[in-house]
Amino acid sequence: MATLTRSRTAPAHASAKKVRSRDGLWAAFFLAPQVLGLVVFLLIPLGFAFVLAFMQWGGIDQPKWVGFDNFAAQLTDPLFGRAVWNTVKIALITVPVGLALAVLIAVALNNLKGSNVYRVLYFMPVVTSSVAVALIWQVILADDENGVLNTSLKRWLGLTGPDWLGSPQWVILSIAVVTIWSSLGLNVVIFMAGLQTISPTVFEAARIDGASAFQTFRRVTLPLLSPTIFFSSIVAVISSLQAFDLIYVLVDPKDNEGAQTIVYRVYDLGFKQFQFGMSSAAAILLLLLTLIVTLVQFAAQKRFVHYDS
């Protein structure tokens, strides 16, 4: 009887194994383009950059092994130090201010009728080309008779505005404002999606207990929204540390060292000075900085992020 049972179940096991094998082949077939693109356009260039960071190479000459000299040169280079500080300043302004504004706007729009229209309006700058955004803000912040902001300040308030894009004292603030404006819509949409996951009964219970609007926001909304805020903060910090295209078009960093960022130094060393070893070393240092900041955020989230469980 046992032998008969095994003979009946054996074909079923074989058929299930065949189905799993076929599903695995189809999965590999559909994943192959993505895996190939990941290997060719990410892993191989990343590995090459790691190797090149320890070499001196101008692109056409013979590479020369120099060890950690490229890293030492960058760490002692005043221009690289200035670029790091500029990048950190941009992050310190754009991340907290941008996230705070996005949270407040998302909460205000959450229960507002026709909120989908406002979502589209806030999200439009996100899908707009960064070059177009930079060109528009160049006109707004220009320091001449065509500058919309300075002209308005002069006409309405009698004030003479500064050179927003040319002055080292104002250029970082100007870049931060444009960055916040262009990325605000994405964070608003993300936070509104996070608010939709919070049960209305929680807010109802807070109202029954006599909590004010501010107390509800501080004691209920922010804790329950903290996982979404944490995710957005990770994305915002990484994005701010990699800032380049908008700054490159908005302000020519070549003529204004106050606007140079780490990514611009990588670009300048590699594609203008053809010091690919130095450029790779700067890129690796940026990777390490991003990794350190992200690890600090993950360590801090244990105290400030509250999950449902």
Protein backbone atom coordinates (compact mmCIF):
# COMPACT_ATOMS: atom_id res chain seq x y z
CA MET A 1 0.00 0.00 0.00
CA ALA A 2 2.87 2.35 0.84
CA THR A 3 4.52 1.53 -2.46
CA LEU A 4 1.31 2.38 -4.30
CA THR A 5 1.05 5.74 -2.50
CA ARG A 6 4.62 6.67 -3.45
CA SER A 7 4.00 5.77 -7.09
CA ARG A 8 0.94 8.03 -7.21
CA THR A 9 2.58 11.05 -5.55
CA ALA A 10 5.86 10.86 -7.45
CA PRO A 11 4.46 12.34 -10.70
CA ALA A 12 2.88 15.20 -8.74
CA HIS A 13 6.22 16.10 -7.13
CA ALA A 14 7.95 15.90 -10.50
CA SER A 15 5.32 18.14 -12.08
CA ALA A 16 5.63 20.74 -9.28
CA LYS A 17 9.42 20.70 -9.63
CA LYS A 18 9.09 21.21 -13.38
CA VAL A 19 6.74 24.16 -12.84
CA ARG A 20 9.16 25.78 -10.35
CA SER A 21 12.04 25.27 -12.76
CA ARG A 22 10.07 26.86 -15.59
CA ASP A 23 9.02 29.79 -13.39
CA GLY A 24 12.65 30.27 -12.39
CA LEU A 25 13.73 30.42 -16.04
CA TRP A 26 11.04 33.00 -16.85
CA ALA A 27 12.05 35.05 -13.81
CA ALA A 28 15.68 34.96 -14.90
CA PHE A 29 14.65 35.97 -18.43
CA PHE A 30 12.76 39.07 -17.25
CA LEU A 31 15.38 40.01 -14.66
CA ALA A 32 18.32 39.61 -17.03
CA PRO A 33 18.10 43.11 -18.63
CA GLN A 34 17.97 44.80 -15.23
CA VAL A 35 20.79 42.69 -13.81
CA LEU A 36 22.87 43.28 -16.93
CA GLY A 37 22.30 47.03 -16.72
CA LEU A 38 23.19 46.99 -13.01
CA VAL A 39 26.44 45.16 -13.68
CA VAL A 40 27.49 47.13 -16.76
CA PHE A 41 26.48 50.63 -15.70
CA LEU A 42 26.94 50.47 -11.92
CA LEU A 43 29.03 47.65 -10.51
CA ILE A 44 31.78 47.65 -13.16
CA PRO A 45 32.20 51.48 -13.16
CA LEU A 46 32.13 51.48 -9.35
CA GLY A 47 34.84 48.83 -9.20
CA PHE A 48 36.88 50.70 -11.82
CA ALA A 49 36.55 53.92 -9.81
CA PHE A 50 37.82 52.16 -6.67
CA VAL A 51 40.89 50.93 -8.56
CA LEU A 52 41.43 54.26 -10.32
CA ALA A 53 41.32 56.14 -7.02
CA PHE A 54 44.72 54.65 -6.18
CA MET A 55 46.26 55.59 -9.53
CA GLN A 56 47.45 58.63 -11.41
CA TRP A 57 45.92 58.64 -14.86
CA GLY A 58 45.19 61.34 -17.41
CA GLY A 59 43.06 59.27 -19.74
CA ILE A 60 45.62 58.52 -22.47
CA ASP A 61 48.86 57.94 -20.59
CA GLN A 62 49.92 54.84 -18.70
CA PRO A 63 48.23 54.55 -15.27
CA LYS A 64 50.64 54.85 -12.35
CA TRP A 65 49.99 53.36 -8.93
CA VAL A 66 50.21 56.07 -6.24
CA GLY A 67 48.47 54.39 -3.30
CA PHE A 68 46.64 56.77 -0.97
CA ASP A 69 48.26 59.90 -2.42
CA ASN A 70 45.07 60.93 -4.24
CA PHE A 71 43.04 60.71 -1.04
CA ALA A 72 45.67 62.66 0.90
CA ALA A 73 45.76 65.32 -1.80
CA GLN A 74 42.00 65.76 -1.69
CA LEU A 75 41.78 65.85 2.09
CA THR A 76 44.42 68.60 2.19
CA ASP A 77 43.06 70.53 -0.81
CA PRO A 78 41.37 73.79 0.28
CA LEU A 79 39.05 73.65 -2.76
CA PHE A 80 37.82 70.20 -1.81
CA GLY A 81 37.36 71.29 1.80
CA ARG A 82 35.34 74.28 0.64
CA ALA A 83 33.25 72.02 -1.60
CA VAL A 84 32.53 69.70 1.34
CA TRP A 85 31.50 72.62 3.54
CA ASN A 86 29.27 74.08 0.80
CA THR A 87 27.61 70.70 0.33
CA VAL A 88 27.04 70.32 4.07
CA LYS A 89 25.55 73.80 4.31
CA ILE A 90 23.12 73.05 1.49
CA ALA A 91 22.08 69.83 3.24
CA LEU A 92 21.68 71.55 6.61
CA ILE A 93 19.27 74.07 5.08
CA THR A 94 17.35 72.04 2.52
CA VAL A 95 16.71 68.85 4.51
CA PRO A 96 15.10 70.18 7.74
CA VAL A 97 13.37 73.17 6.14
CA GLY A 98 12.14 71.18 3.14
CA LEU A 99 10.81 68.30 5.24
CA ALA A 100 9.16 70.61 7.77
CA LEU A 101 7.37 72.56 5.05
CA ALA A 102 6.30 69.34 3.34
CA VAL A 103 4.84 67.92 6.56
CA LEU A 104 2.87 71.09 7.30
CA ILE A 105 1.52 71.33 3.76
CA ALA A 106 0.62 67.62 3.68
CA VAL A 107 -1.28 67.90 6.97
CA ALA A 108 -3.10 70.99 5.72
CA LEU A 109 -4.08 69.29 2.45
CA ASN A 110 -4.93 65.91 3.95
CA ASN A 111 -8.58 66.67 4.73
CA LEU A 112 -9.02 69.43 2.18
CA LYS A 113 -11.55 68.96 -0.61
CA GLY A 114 -9.96 68.88 -4.04
CA SER A 115 -6.58 67.92 -2.58
CA ASN A 116 -5.71 66.00 -5.75
CA VAL A 117 -5.54 69.28 -7.65
CA TYR A 118 -3.08 70.67 -5.12
CA ARG A 119 -1.04 67.47 -5.28
CA VAL A 120 -0.62 67.97 -9.01
CA LEU A 121 0.31 71.63 -8.59
CA TYR A 122 2.89 70.88 -5.90
CA PHE A 123 4.29 67.95 -7.87
CA MET A 124 4.77 69.85 -11.14
CA PRO A 125 8.25 71.21 -10.25
CA VAL A 126 9.39 67.64 -9.51
CA VAL A 127 8.67 66.45 -13.05
CA THR A 128 10.04 69.64 -14.58
CA SER A 129 13.56 69.47 -15.98
CA SER A 130 16.16 70.74 -13.53
CA VAL A 131 17.67 72.80 -16.36
CA ALA A 132 14.32 74.52 -16.96
CA VAL A 133 13.91 75.13 -13.22
CA ALA A 134 17.40 76.66 -13.01
CA LEU A 135 16.80 78.93 -16.02
CA ILE A 136 13.52 80.20 -14.56
CA TRP A 137 15.12 80.95 -11.21
CA GLN A 138 18.04 82.66 -12.94
CA VAL A 139 15.58 85.24 -14.21
CA ILE A 140 13.97 85.58 -10.78
CA LEU A 141 17.25 85.99 -8.90
CA ALA A 142 19.23 87.95 -11.51
CA ASP A 143 21.09 91.01 -10.23
CA ASP A 144 20.06 93.49 -12.95
CA GLU A 145 16.98 95.18 -14.31
CA ASN A 146 15.69 91.80 -15.47
CA GLY A 147 15.80 90.26 -12.00
CA VAL A 148 12.21 89.74 -10.90
CA LEU A 149 12.94 89.58 -7.15
CA ASN A 150 15.26 92.58 -6.94
CA THR A 151 13.03 94.64 -9.21
CA SER A 152 10.02 93.85 -7.01
CA LEU A 153 11.93 94.71 -3.84
CA LYS A 154 13.00 98.04 -5.34
CA ARG A 155 9.57 98.95 -6.67
CA TRP A 156 7.42 97.88 -3.75
CA LEU A 157 9.67 98.29 -0.70
CA GLY A 158 12.39 100.62 -1.91
CA LEU A 159 15.04 98.04 -1.04
CA THR A 160 18.12 97.16 -3.05
CA GLY A 161 18.46 93.41 -3.18
CA PRO A 162 21.84 91.66 -3.07
CA ASP A 163 23.49 89.69 -5.84
CA TRP A 164 21.69 86.44 -4.99
CA LEU A 165 23.69 84.22 -7.34
CA GLY A 166 27.02 86.05 -7.40
CA SER A 167 27.62 86.90 -3.76
CA PRO A 168 29.34 84.17 -1.66
CA GLN A 169 27.19 85.28 1.30
CA TRP A 170 23.91 84.65 -0.53
CA VAL A 171 24.56 81.98 -3.13
CA ILE A 172 24.14 79.00 -0.78
CA LEU A 173 20.84 80.37 0.52
CA SER A 174 19.65 80.95 -3.05
CA ILE A 175 20.60 77.40 -4.06
CA ALA A 176 18.83 76.04 -0.98
CA VAL A 177 15.62 77.96 -1.76
CA VAL A 178 15.54 76.68 -5.33
CA THR A 179 16.30 73.12 -4.19
CA ILE A 180 13.52 73.20 -1.59
CA TRP A 181 11.06 74.59 -4.12
CA SER A 182 11.88 71.96 -6.74
CA SER A 183 11.71 68.97 -4.35
CA LEU A 184 8.86 70.09 -2.10
CA GLY A 185 6.13 68.43 -4.16
CA LEU A 186 7.66 64.96 -3.92
CA ASN A 187 7.84 65.12 -0.14
CA VAL A 188 4.30 66.49 0.09
CA VAL A 189 2.93 63.57 -1.94
CA ILE A 190 4.93 61.06 0.13
CA PHE A 191 3.72 62.54 3.43
CA MET A 192 0.12 62.66 2.24
CA ALA A 193 0.39 58.98 1.37
CA GLY A 194 1.77 58.36 4.86
CA LEU A 195 -1.12 60.26 6.44
CA GLN A 196 -3.59 58.09 4.55
CA THR A 197 -2.23 55.03 6.37
CA ILE A 198 -3.11 56.49 9.79
CA SER A 199 -6.51 55.32 11.00
CA PRO A 200 -9.05 58.14 11.46
CA THR A 201 -10.09 56.52 14.74
CA VAL A 202 -6.77 57.62 16.24
CA PHE A 203 -7.53 61.28 15.57
CA GLU A 204 -11.11 60.80 16.76
CA ALA A 205 -9.85 59.35 20.04
CA ALA A 206 -7.52 62.32 20.47
CA ARG A 207 -10.41 64.75 19.96
CA ILE A 208 -12.56 62.85 22.47
CA ASP A 209 -9.73 63.10 25.01
CA GLY A 210 -9.74 66.86 24.55
CA ALA A 211 -6.46 67.22 22.64
CA SER A 212 -6.01 70.49 20.76
CA ALA A 213 -5.00 70.61 17.11
CA PHE A 214 -1.37 71.29 18.03
CA GLN A 215 -1.33 68.50 20.63
CA THR A 216 -2.82 66.08 18.11
CA PHE A 217 -0.19 67.07 15.56
CA ARG A 218 2.66 66.74 18.04
CA ARG A 219 1.53 63.66 19.97
CA VAL A 220 -0.29 61.68 17.28
CA THR A 221 0.50 62.80 13.74
CA LEU A 222 4.27 63.21 14.00
CA PRO A 223 4.94 59.91 15.86
CA LEU A 224 2.77 57.91 13.46
CA LEU A 225 4.27 59.71 10.48
CA SER A 226 7.85 59.27 11.72
CA PRO A 227 8.66 56.22 9.52
CA THR A 228 7.71 58.23 6.44
CA ILE A 229 9.70 61.22 7.68
CA PHE A 230 12.69 58.96 8.27
CA PHE A 231 12.49 57.57 4.74
CA SER A 232 12.17 61.03 3.22
CA SER A 233 15.08 62.32 5.30
CA ILE A 234 17.33 59.54 3.97
CA VAL A 235 16.40 60.37 0.39
CA ALA A 236 16.72 64.12 0.97
CA VAL A 237 20.17 63.89 2.57
CA ILE A 238 21.54 61.67 -0.19
CA SER A 239 20.06 63.95 -2.84
CA SER A 240 21.51 67.08 -1.23
CA LEU A 241 24.97 65.52 -0.95
CA GLN A 242 24.84 64.69 -4.67
CA ALA A 243 23.63 68.14 -5.77
CA PHE A 244 25.08 69.16 -9.13
CA ASP A 245 22.89 69.72 -12.19
CA LEU A 246 20.63 72.44 -10.81
CA ILE A 247 23.61 74.27 -9.27
CA TYR A 248 25.70 73.91 -12.42
CA VAL A 249 23.04 75.65 -14.53
CA LEU A 250 21.83 78.13 -11.91
CA VAL A 251 25.29 79.32 -10.87
CA ASP A 252 28.55 78.75 -12.71
CA PRO A 253 30.65 77.23 -9.89
CA LYS A 254 33.81 77.88 -11.88
CA ASP A 255 33.42 81.61 -11.27
CA ASN A 256 32.00 81.29 -7.75
CA GLU A 257 33.83 79.00 -5.34
CA GLY A 258 31.04 79.57 -2.83
CA ALA A 259 28.77 77.44 -5.04
CA GLN A 260 31.14 74.52 -5.65
CA THR A 261 29.96 71.18 -4.28
CA ILE A 262 31.66 67.80 -3.97
CA VAL A 263 30.08 66.49 -7.15
CA TYR A 264 31.28 69.59 -9.00
CA ARG A 265 34.83 68.91 -7.77
CA VAL A 266 34.52 65.35 -9.08
CA TYR A 267 33.34 66.71 -12.43
CA ASP A 268 36.00 69.44 -12.55
CA LEU A 269 38.89 67.10 -11.71
CA GLY A 270 37.78 64.39 -14.10
CA PHE A 271 36.33 66.14 -17.15
CA LYS A 272 38.12 69.48 -17.09
CA GLN A 273 41.52 68.75 -15.57
CA PHE A 274 41.62 65.10 -16.72
CA GLN A 275 42.91 63.92 -13.35
CA PHE A 276 40.80 60.79 -13.22
CA GLY A 277 42.61 59.36 -10.22
CA MET A 278 41.94 62.50 -8.18
CA SER A 279 38.36 62.59 -9.43
CA SER A 280 37.77 58.97 -8.42
CA ALA A 281 39.28 59.60 -4.99
CA ALA A 282 36.93 62.56 -4.47
CA ALA A 283 33.99 60.39 -5.55
CA ILE A 284 34.98 57.66 -3.09
CA LEU A 285 35.22 60.25 -0.30
CA LEU A 286 31.72 61.43 -1.20
CA LEU A 287 30.53 57.82 -1.03
CA LEU A 288 32.08 57.42 2.42
CA LEU A 289 30.51 60.68 3.61
CA THR A 290 27.11 59.58 2.37
CA LEU A 291 27.53 56.19 4.02
CA ILE A 292 28.54 57.72 7.35
CA VAL A 293 25.63 60.18 7.38
CA THR A 294 23.16 57.43 6.45
CA LEU A 295 24.47 55.14 9.20
CA VAL A 296 24.11 57.97 11.71
CA GLN A 297 20.51 58.46 10.58
CA PHE A 298 19.77 54.76 10.98
CA ALA A 299 21.31 54.79 14.45
CA ALA A 300 19.28 57.84 15.46
CA GLN A 301 16.00 56.48 14.11
CA LYS A 302 15.79 53.99 16.98
CA ARG A 303 14.97 56.90 19.30
CA PHE A 304 12.75 59.02 17.06
CA VAL A 305 10.97 56.63 14.71
CA HIS A 306 7.87 54.87 16.03
CA TYR A 307 6.47 51.87 14.22
CA ASP A 308 3.01 50.41 14.75
CA SER A 309 4.47 47.27 16.27
